[in-house]
Amino acid sequence: MSPTQLVVIFLVVLAVAALVALAVATSRRRALRDRFGPEYDRVVADRDSRTAAERELRERERRHAELTLTPLSPESRARYTAAWEEIQIRFVDSPAAAVGDADELVTRLIAERGYPTGDYSEQLAHLSVEHARTLTHYRDAHDIHLRDTRGEASTEDLRQAVVYYRELFADLLGEVPVRQQHPDDTPQDATSR
């Protein structure tokens, strides 16, 4: 084989290797984007580079895999659903207390499922692996709850916090905690629910 042919073969092999590496990187990036959704974009915006952000997200996946997550028993699910309904009822008379109770209930649910609850940022990182689509709502609800403890949240803010907590709550529970009624539904009394 001539030296020219060897150089051409080497360049072709190098080009194919580069294309394969690019395809693998693109595939990994797409998988992270699909898994983390809006959290992917948030982490990329917060880090110095896309590579650093993707490294962090892969590290979150690794740490998440070490958790022992447990599904809720039907009894536990029913208890949480009843507690959530009670929070929504109490909101009318005491919005701030209802938001505090919603924060506590979500934290208990997170713990019962097997997620760590000590450090808030670690908790968010673990939740982001399976619940990234509702994590922004949880952050916003928690921020409103903190603003409320400083007396800086309006009643509308508190209402929005309960809605946001409900998003993560339903995601963790695996179902909508309160039956949604549509205008064309026939009214039901509390005993038939």
C-alpha atoms as a PDB file:
ATOM      1  CA  MET A   1       0.000   0.000   0.000  1.00  0.00           C
ATOM      2  CA  SER A   2       1.298   3.425  -0.875  1.00  0.00           C
ATOM      3  CA  PRO A   3       1.852   6.127   1.753  1.00  0.00           C
ATOM      4  CA  THR A   4      -0.924   8.189   0.154  1.00  0.00           C
ATOM      5  CA  GLN A   5      -3.402   5.324   0.532  1.00  0.00           C
ATOM      6  CA  LEU A   6      -2.388   4.882   4.193  1.00  0.00           C
ATOM      7  CA  VAL A   7      -2.919   8.590   4.866  1.00  0.00           C
ATOM      8  CA  VAL A   8      -6.350   8.480   3.177  1.00  0.00           C
ATOM      9  CA  ILE A   9      -7.347   5.373   5.161  1.00  0.00           C
ATOM     10  CA  PHE A  10      -6.110   7.011   8.363  1.00  0.00           C
ATOM     11  CA  LEU A  11      -8.104  10.182   7.629  1.00  0.00           C
ATOM     12  CA  VAL A  12     -11.248   8.175   6.825  1.00  0.00           C
ATOM     13  CA  VAL A  13     -10.900   6.158  10.050  1.00  0.00           C
ATOM     14  CA  LEU A  14     -10.338   9.397  11.988  1.00  0.00           C
ATOM     15  CA  ALA A  15     -13.405  11.009  10.389  1.00  0.00           C
ATOM     16  CA  VAL A  16     -15.570   7.959  11.162  1.00  0.00           C
ATOM     17  CA  ALA A  17     -14.322   7.924  14.764  1.00  0.00           C
ATOM     18  CA  ALA A  18     -15.150  11.637  15.102  1.00  0.00           C
ATOM     19  CA  LEU A  19     -18.639  11.067  13.681  1.00  0.00           C
ATOM     20  CA  VAL A  20     -19.228   8.165  16.075  1.00  0.00           C
ATOM     21  CA  ALA A  21     -18.026  10.266  19.027  1.00  0.00           C
ATOM     22  CA  LEU A  22     -20.297  13.117  17.949  1.00  0.00           C
ATOM     23  CA  ALA A  23     -23.271  10.750  17.579  1.00  0.00           C
ATOM     24  CA  VAL A  24     -22.664   9.281  21.051  1.00  0.00           C
ATOM     25  CA  ALA A  25     -22.363  12.741  22.616  1.00  0.00           C
ATOM     26  CA  THR A  26     -25.527  13.910  20.863  1.00  0.00           C
ATOM     27  CA  SER A  27     -27.382  10.813  21.980  1.00  0.00           C
ATOM     28  CA  ARG A  28     -26.270  11.274  25.607  1.00  0.00           C
ATOM     29  CA  ARG A  29     -27.254  14.936  25.491  1.00  0.00           C
ATOM     30  CA  ARG A  30     -30.686  14.065  24.074  1.00  0.00           C
ATOM     31  CA  ALA A  31     -31.192  11.419  26.768  1.00  0.00           C
ATOM     32  CA  LEU A  32     -30.321  13.924  29.506  1.00  0.00           C
ATOM     33  CA  ARG A  33     -32.633  16.528  27.962  1.00  0.00           C
ATOM     34  CA  ASP A  34     -35.479  14.014  27.755  1.00  0.00           C
ATOM     35  CA  ARG A  35     -34.972  12.842  31.317  1.00  0.00           C
ATOM     36  CA  PHE A  36     -34.454  16.211  32.994  1.00  0.00           C
ATOM     37  CA  GLY A  37     -36.644  18.420  30.797  1.00  0.00           C
ATOM     38  CA  PRO A  38     -36.606  22.041  32.018  1.00  0.00           C
ATOM     39  CA  GLU A  39     -34.115  21.127  34.759  1.00  0.00           C
ATOM     40  CA  TYR A  40     -31.539  20.410  32.014  1.00  0.00           C
ATOM     41  CA  ASP A  41     -31.816  23.988  30.729  1.00  0.00           C
ATOM     42  CA  ARG A  42     -31.699  25.429  34.259  1.00  0.00           C
ATOM     43  CA  VAL A  43     -28.506  23.524  35.137  1.00  0.00           C
ATOM     44  CA  VAL A  44     -26.860  24.437  31.814  1.00  0.00           C
ATOM     45  CA  ALA A  45     -27.656  28.111  32.460  1.00  0.00           C
ATOM     46  CA  ASP A  46     -26.220  27.890  36.005  1.00  0.00           C
ATOM     47  CA  ARG A  47     -22.919  26.198  35.061  1.00  0.00           C
ATOM     48  CA  ASP A  48     -19.825  27.442  33.268  1.00  0.00           C
ATOM     49  CA  SER A  49     -20.297  25.038  30.379  1.00  0.00           C
ATOM     50  CA  ARG A  50     -22.709  22.506  28.932  1.00  0.00           C
ATOM     51  CA  THR A  51     -20.134  19.795  29.653  1.00  0.00           C
ATOM     52  CA  ALA A  52     -20.031  20.707  33.352  1.00  0.00           C
ATOM     53  CA  ALA A  53     -23.816  20.785  33.518  1.00  0.00           C
ATOM     54  CA  GLU A  54     -24.145  17.392  31.854  1.00  0.00           C
ATOM     55  CA  ARG A  55     -21.507  15.970  34.176  1.00  0.00           C
ATOM     56  CA  GLU A  56     -23.547  17.191  37.148  1.00  0.00           C
ATOM     57  CA  LEU A  57     -26.757  15.680  35.767  1.00  0.00           C
ATOM     58  CA  ARG A  58     -25.050  12.317  35.208  1.00  0.00           C
ATOM     59  CA  GLU A  59     -23.741  12.530  38.794  1.00  0.00           C
ATOM     60  CA  ARG A  60     -27.302  13.151  39.989  1.00  0.00           C
ATOM     61  CA  GLU A  61     -28.400  10.025  38.137  1.00  0.00           C
ATOM     62  CA  ARG A  62     -25.609   8.036  39.786  1.00  0.00           C
ATOM     63  CA  ARG A  63     -26.489   9.252  43.303  1.00  0.00           C
ATOM     64  CA  HIS A  64     -30.189   8.714  42.630  1.00  0.00           C
ATOM     65  CA  ALA A  65     -29.509   5.099  41.645  1.00  0.00           C
ATOM     66  CA  GLU A  66     -28.094   4.529  45.136  1.00  0.00           C
ATOM     67  CA  LEU A  67     -31.396   5.490  46.782  1.00  0.00           C
ATOM     68  CA  THR A  68     -33.877   2.864  47.900  1.00  0.00           C
ATOM     69  CA  LEU A  69     -37.140   4.343  46.696  1.00  0.00           C
ATOM     70  CA  THR A  70     -40.338   2.672  47.800  1.00  0.00           C
ATOM     71  CA  PRO A  71     -43.819   2.875  46.343  1.00  0.00           C
ATOM     72  CA  LEU A  72     -46.601   3.933  48.648  1.00  0.00           C
ATOM     73  CA  SER A  73     -49.003   1.381  50.047  1.00  0.00           C
ATOM     74  CA  PRO A  74     -52.681   1.934  49.210  1.00  0.00           C
ATOM     75  CA  GLU A  75     -53.280   2.897  52.854  1.00  0.00           C
ATOM     76  CA  SER A  76     -50.478   5.459  52.785  1.00  0.00           C
ATOM     77  CA  ARG A  77     -51.717   6.846  49.487  1.00  0.00           C
ATOM     78  CA  ALA A  78     -55.229   7.223  50.951  1.00  0.00           C
ATOM     79  CA  ARG A  79     -53.825   8.965  54.061  1.00  0.00           C
ATOM     80  CA  TYR A  80     -51.879  11.439  51.961  1.00  0.00           C
ATOM     81  CA  THR A  81     -54.853  12.099  49.688  1.00  0.00           C
ATOM     82  CA  ALA A  82     -57.091  12.794  52.701  1.00  0.00           C
ATOM     83  CA  ALA A  83     -54.451  15.069  54.224  1.00  0.00           C
ATOM     84  CA  TRP A  84     -54.161  16.996  50.965  1.00  0.00           C
ATOM     85  CA  GLU A  85     -57.921  17.458  50.741  1.00  0.00           C
ATOM     86  CA  GLU A  86     -57.866  18.807  54.307  1.00  0.00           C
ATOM     87  CA  ILE A  87     -55.131  21.309  53.392  1.00  0.00           C
ATOM     88  CA  GLN A  88     -57.167  22.599  50.481  1.00  0.00           C
ATOM     89  CA  ILE A  89     -60.243  22.983  52.688  1.00  0.00           C
ATOM     90  CA  ARG A  90     -58.260  24.834  55.394  1.00  0.00           C
ATOM     91  CA  PHE A  91     -56.792  27.207  52.810  1.00  0.00           C
ATOM     92  CA  VAL A  92     -60.044  29.204  52.737  1.00  0.00           C
ATOM     93  CA  ASP A  93     -59.794  30.148  56.426  1.00  0.00           C
ATOM     94  CA  SER A  94     -56.029  30.119  56.882  1.00  0.00           C
ATOM     95  CA  PRO A  95     -53.986  30.396  53.672  1.00  0.00           C
ATOM     96  CA  ALA A  96     -50.586  30.806  55.357  1.00  0.00           C
ATOM     97  CA  ALA A  97     -51.101  27.809  57.653  1.00  0.00           C
ATOM     98  CA  ALA A  98     -52.304  25.727  54.694  1.00  0.00           C
ATOM     99  CA  VAL A  99     -49.127  26.538  52.744  1.00  0.00           C
ATOM    100  CA  GLY A 100     -46.975  25.600  55.744  1.00  0.00           C
ATOM    101  CA  ASP A 101     -48.925  22.361  56.099  1.00  0.00           C
ATOM    102  CA  ALA A 102     -48.558  21.666  52.362  1.00  0.00           C
ATOM    103  CA  ASP A 103     -44.790  22.131  52.649  1.00  0.00           C
ATOM    104  CA  GLU A 104     -44.650  19.726  55.595  1.00  0.00           C
ATOM    105  CA  LEU A 105     -46.906  17.162  53.892  1.00  0.00           C
ATOM    106  CA  VAL A 106     -44.823  17.199  50.709  1.00  0.00           C
ATOM    107  CA  THR A 107     -41.645  16.806  52.782  1.00  0.00           C
ATOM    108  CA  ARG A 108     -43.151  13.809  54.630  1.00  0.00           C
ATOM    109  CA  LEU A 109     -44.198  12.257  51.321  1.00  0.00           C
ATOM    110  CA  ILE A 110     -40.713  12.805  49.889  1.00  0.00           C
ATOM    111  CA  ALA A 111     -39.192  11.106  52.946  1.00  0.00           C
ATOM    112  CA  GLU A 112     -41.624   8.184  52.883  1.00  0.00           C
ATOM    113  CA  ARG A 113     -40.815   7.554  49.231  1.00  0.00           C
ATOM    114  CA  GLY A 114     -37.131   7.271  50.242  1.00  0.00           C
ATOM    115  CA  TYR A 115     -35.665  10.601  49.166  1.00  0.00           C
ATOM    116  CA  PRO A 116     -33.336  12.441  51.559  1.00  0.00           C
ATOM    117  CA  THR A 117     -34.932  15.517  53.125  1.00  0.00           C
ATOM    118  CA  GLY A 118     -32.109  17.077  55.147  1.00  0.00           C
ATOM    119  CA  ASP A 119     -30.383  19.453  52.729  1.00  0.00           C
ATOM    120  CA  TYR A 120     -32.814  21.287  50.433  1.00  0.00           C
ATOM    121  CA  SER A 121     -30.439  21.537  47.439  1.00  0.00           C
ATOM    122  CA  GLU A 122     -29.554  17.832  47.757  1.00  0.00           C
ATOM    123  CA  GLN A 123     -33.247  17.029  47.963  1.00  0.00           C
ATOM    124  CA  LEU A 124     -33.852  18.983  44.744  1.00  0.00           C
ATOM    125  CA  ALA A 125     -30.984  17.191  43.014  1.00  0.00           C
ATOM    126  CA  HIS A 126     -32.396  13.772  43.919  1.00  0.00           C
ATOM    127  CA  LEU A 127     -35.950  14.731  42.956  1.00  0.00           C
ATOM    128  CA  SER A 128     -34.772  16.134  39.625  1.00  0.00           C
ATOM    129  CA  VAL A 129     -33.940  12.685  38.279  1.00  0.00           C
ATOM    130  CA  GLU A 130     -37.537  11.389  38.289  1.00  0.00           C
ATOM    131  CA  HIS A 131     -39.609  14.512  38.935  1.00  0.00           C
ATOM    132  CA  ALA A 132     -37.862  17.202  36.893  1.00  0.00           C
ATOM    133  CA  ARG A 133     -41.066  18.303  35.169  1.00  0.00           C
ATOM    134  CA  THR A 134     -42.650  19.394  38.477  1.00  0.00           C
ATOM    135  CA  LEU A 135     -39.488  20.529  40.234  1.00  0.00           C
ATOM    136  CA  THR A 136     -39.792  24.164  39.130  1.00  0.00           C
ATOM    137  CA  HIS A 137     -43.240  24.248  40.741  1.00  0.00           C
ATOM    138  CA  TYR A 138     -41.786  22.835  43.953  1.00  0.00           C
ATOM    139  CA  ARG A 139     -39.005  25.437  43.981  1.00  0.00           C
ATOM    140  CA  ASP A 140     -41.532  28.214  43.410  1.00  0.00           C
ATOM    141  CA  ALA A 141     -43.868  26.904  46.129  1.00  0.00           C
ATOM    142  CA  HIS A 142     -41.013  26.593  48.599  1.00  0.00           C
ATOM    143  CA  ASP A 143     -39.833  30.131  47.775  1.00  0.00           C
ATOM    144  CA  ILE A 144     -43.351  31.484  48.359  1.00  0.00           C
ATOM    145  CA  HIS A 145     -43.497  29.586  51.660  1.00  0.00           C
ATOM    146  CA  LEU A 146     -40.198  31.194  52.730  1.00  0.00           C
ATOM    147  CA  ARG A 147     -41.433  34.643  51.645  1.00  0.00           C
ATOM    148  CA  ASP A 148     -44.577  34.051  53.679  1.00  0.00           C
ATOM    149  CA  THR A 149     -42.551  33.323  56.813  1.00  0.00           C
ATOM    150  CA  ARG A 150     -41.091  36.820  56.343  1.00  0.00           C
ATOM    151  CA  GLY A 151     -44.583  38.285  55.796  1.00  0.00           C
ATOM    152  CA  GLU A 152     -43.911  39.046  52.114  1.00  0.00           C
ATOM    153  CA  ALA A 153     -46.455  36.796  50.356  1.00  0.00           C
ATOM    154  CA  SER A 154     -49.932  37.844  49.266  1.00  0.00           C
ATOM    155  CA  THR A 155     -52.977  35.583  49.448  1.00  0.00           C
ATOM    156  CA  GLU A 156     -52.696  35.062  45.685  1.00  0.00           C
ATOM    157  CA  ASP A 157     -49.057  34.018  46.153  1.00  0.00           C
ATOM    158  CA  LEU A 158     -50.174  31.531  48.805  1.00  0.00           C
ATOM    159  CA  ARG A 159     -52.897  30.171  46.524  1.00  0.00           C
ATOM    160  CA  GLN A 160     -50.309  29.708  43.797  1.00  0.00           C
ATOM    161  CA  ALA A 161     -47.990  27.941  46.262  1.00  0.00           C
ATOM    162  CA  VAL A 162     -50.696  25.381  47.066  1.00  0.00           C
ATOM    163  CA  VAL A 163     -51.220  24.796  43.341  1.00  0.00           C
ATOM    164  CA  TYR A 164     -47.461  24.355  42.871  1.00  0.00           C
ATOM    165  CA  TYR A 165     -47.134  22.001  45.841  1.00  0.00           C
ATOM    166  CA  ARG A 166     -50.017  19.974  44.430  1.00  0.00           C
ATOM    167  CA  GLU A 167     -48.086  19.437  41.181  1.00  0.00           C
ATOM    168  CA  LEU A 168     -45.139  17.734  42.903  1.00  0.00           C
ATOM    169  CA  PHE A 169     -47.452  16.049  45.409  1.00  0.00           C
ATOM    170  CA  ALA A 170     -49.456  14.447  42.579  1.00  0.00           C
ATOM    171  CA  ASP A 171     -46.257  13.477  40.771  1.00  0.00           C
ATOM    172  CA  LEU A 172     -44.876  11.761  43.893  1.00  0.00           C
ATOM    173  CA  LEU A 173     -48.232  10.205  44.722  1.00  0.00           C
ATOM    174  CA  GLY A 174     -48.655   8.961  41.172  1.00  0.00           C
ATOM    175  CA  GLU A 175     -52.156  10.366  40.858  1.00  0.00           C
ATOM    176  CA  VAL A 176     -54.088  13.592  41.207  1.00  0.00           C
ATOM    177  CA  PRO A 177     -54.822  13.866  44.949  1.00  0.00           C
ATOM    178  CA  VAL A 178     -58.264  15.440  44.579  1.00  0.00           C
ATOM    179  CA  ARG A 179     -60.845  14.501  41.959  1.00  0.00           C
ATOM    180  CA  GLN A 180     -61.179  17.299  39.429  1.00  0.00           C
ATOM    181  CA  GLN A 181     -64.797  18.266  38.756  1.00  0.00           C
ATOM    182  CA  HIS A 182     -65.802  19.614  35.385  1.00  0.00           C
ATOM    183  CA  PRO A 183     -68.786  21.940  34.958  1.00  0.00           C
ATOM    184  CA  ASP A 184     -70.810  19.207  33.260  1.00  0.00           C
ATOM    185  CA  ASP A 185     -70.177  16.679  36.082  1.00  0.00           C
ATOM    186  CA  THR A 186     -73.090  15.911  38.320  1.00  0.00           C
ATOM    187  CA  PRO A 187     -72.566  17.207  41.862  1.00  0.00           C
ATOM    188  CA  GLN A 188     -71.466  14.640  44.419  1.00  0.00           C
ATOM    189  CA  ASP A 189     -71.675  14.859  48.140  1.00  0.00           C
ATOM    190  CA  ALA A 190     -68.602  14.235  50.279  1.00  0.00           C
ATOM    191  CA  THR A 191     -69.678  10.693  51.201  1.00  0.00           C
ATOM    192  CA  SER A 192     -69.658   9.446  47.622  1.00  0.00           C
ATOM    193  CA  ARG A 193     -66.046  10.464  46.926  1.00  0.00           C
END
